[in-house]
Amino acid sequence: MFIPIQRLTLFLRKSINSAEWGAPLTSVRLPKQLKSLRTRVYSSQPPLLLQPDGTLCCRRSWPATYHALGSSDRIRCFSEEHLAGTLSGRYFIRRSSFAMGGTVENTEASGTRLPVEAKKILHSLASNWEDVRDPNALQVTQLKGAMTNAVFQIKWPTETGKVSRKVLVRIYGEGVEVFFDRDNEIRTFEFMSKHGQGPRLMGRFSNGRIEEFIRARTLSAADLRDPETSARIASKMEEFHALDMPGLKRVTLWDRLKKWIQTAKDMATPEEARAVRLDAIEGEIVLLQRELEEDNRIGFCHNDLQYGNIMMDEETRMLTIIDYEYSSYNPIAFDMANHFCEMTADYHTETPHILDYGKYPGLEERRIFVHTYLSSSGKVPGDDEVNQLIGDIEKYTLASHLFWGLWGIISEHVNEIDFDYIEYAKQRFNQYWSRRKELLK
């Protein structure tokens, strides 16, 4: 439902001392009935702001750009009762609906949302393209679905008027370096680019980079269930795992989980920790490692192979895997387990954090995928090899649930992307606890 801005502004003015109107809601001393209006405690760029004159503003984009809201604008919330504080739900405001127009994906005919460094690089690139009419006439479209970075498509009209020049600008999310080493990610990106495995790096600035725009479409959630597409993903995954990346070829999964559990404990509120049984997770990581550490089938894994990180050329049907922030050497069964878990998600709905485990692939679908994967190396796998890998993948789904559950807890406190991280984390941890006994007999 929607709450009229005029009503919400009036409600806030009555409840908050006027001397505090110029402060972000994260630092305003809200009365008890307004606790659900608090934004993330660690946020330096809150989505709502009360100006000294009493005007209510919202953040329309990331990086933050505040815009005054008029009486005809509306803010979307989960329920009207949240406004009065009669329910215990947290963060009732959906930040994706703050924008006047209510959509994350919108186009503007300027680069007002881009860092100055990025705009300089973009101008330099466009100036070197003879078919671009005006290097300053760029159109900026923020793309949906990103949960770690803010991603923008940049387009310039050309002399021919038929095919526009396009690039992608990726602005790194604040605080997400807790999840991965950005320098390692850049090195991986450059390696993949040089070996024709991904988009070319076209420029870097302090908090982001500019990438080649791949003229292919991003897969959808439904594509993962298409038999032909799934077979192509299995073969592409085997090719990805076989990459000979520079550096140490050691499993990172367990060290990463142990690091994340400590970070999550430091950041989580008592309520969040109790909701997911966070105090018990450290022991579960040790238990899982002991159960699975003898697995020696290691490869260079993507570790985040959801549909939004796979692109397909519509003419050749060739796939390109993108976004390597979490990539590292790991057990190949973990990468496949994570991919199967991603089949339960659809990040392009009104509730992108909701997972549907009824969509987890059945045994026959998993068997076909694993057989295709193993056959892609040129060898014909036996039934025992296929069954063994299927069994290992199921156990590694537990590691995937812990991985992304901890990611959700931490992201709630460091990430400014519009996503209900806590509810997502709860689902991943609930699935872990519900399947643990069955899979760790």
Foldseek 3Di string as FASTA:
>chain_A
DKDFPVVLLVLVPVFFDLVCQQDPLLPGPGPPLLQQQHAFNQDPADQWGGRSVSFIWGAQAPVGDIDTDDRRAIWDFDDPVSSRSPDPDHNRTQSQQRHRVRHQWDKDQFPPNDDPVVLVLQLVVLVPDPFFPHSGRKMWTWDPDDFFWTKIKIWTQGNVRPDIAIKMKTFGFFPCCLQFPVVVQVLVVCVCCVVVQAWHWRADDDGTGITHDDPFAQFFLVLCVPVVSLLLVLLVQLVQFADDDDDDQDADLLVSLLSLLVLLVVQFDPVLCVLLVSVCVNVVSVVLCVVPVVQPQKGWAQLAPARRQWTAHPPVRHIHGDDRRNTHIHHSLLRVLLHLQNSQAGCPDPARLDGHVVRRDDPVSLLVSQQSNVCSVVDHDDPVVSVVSVLSSVSSNLSSLSSLLSVLSNCSNRGPDRHNSSVSSSVSSVVNVVCVVVSVD
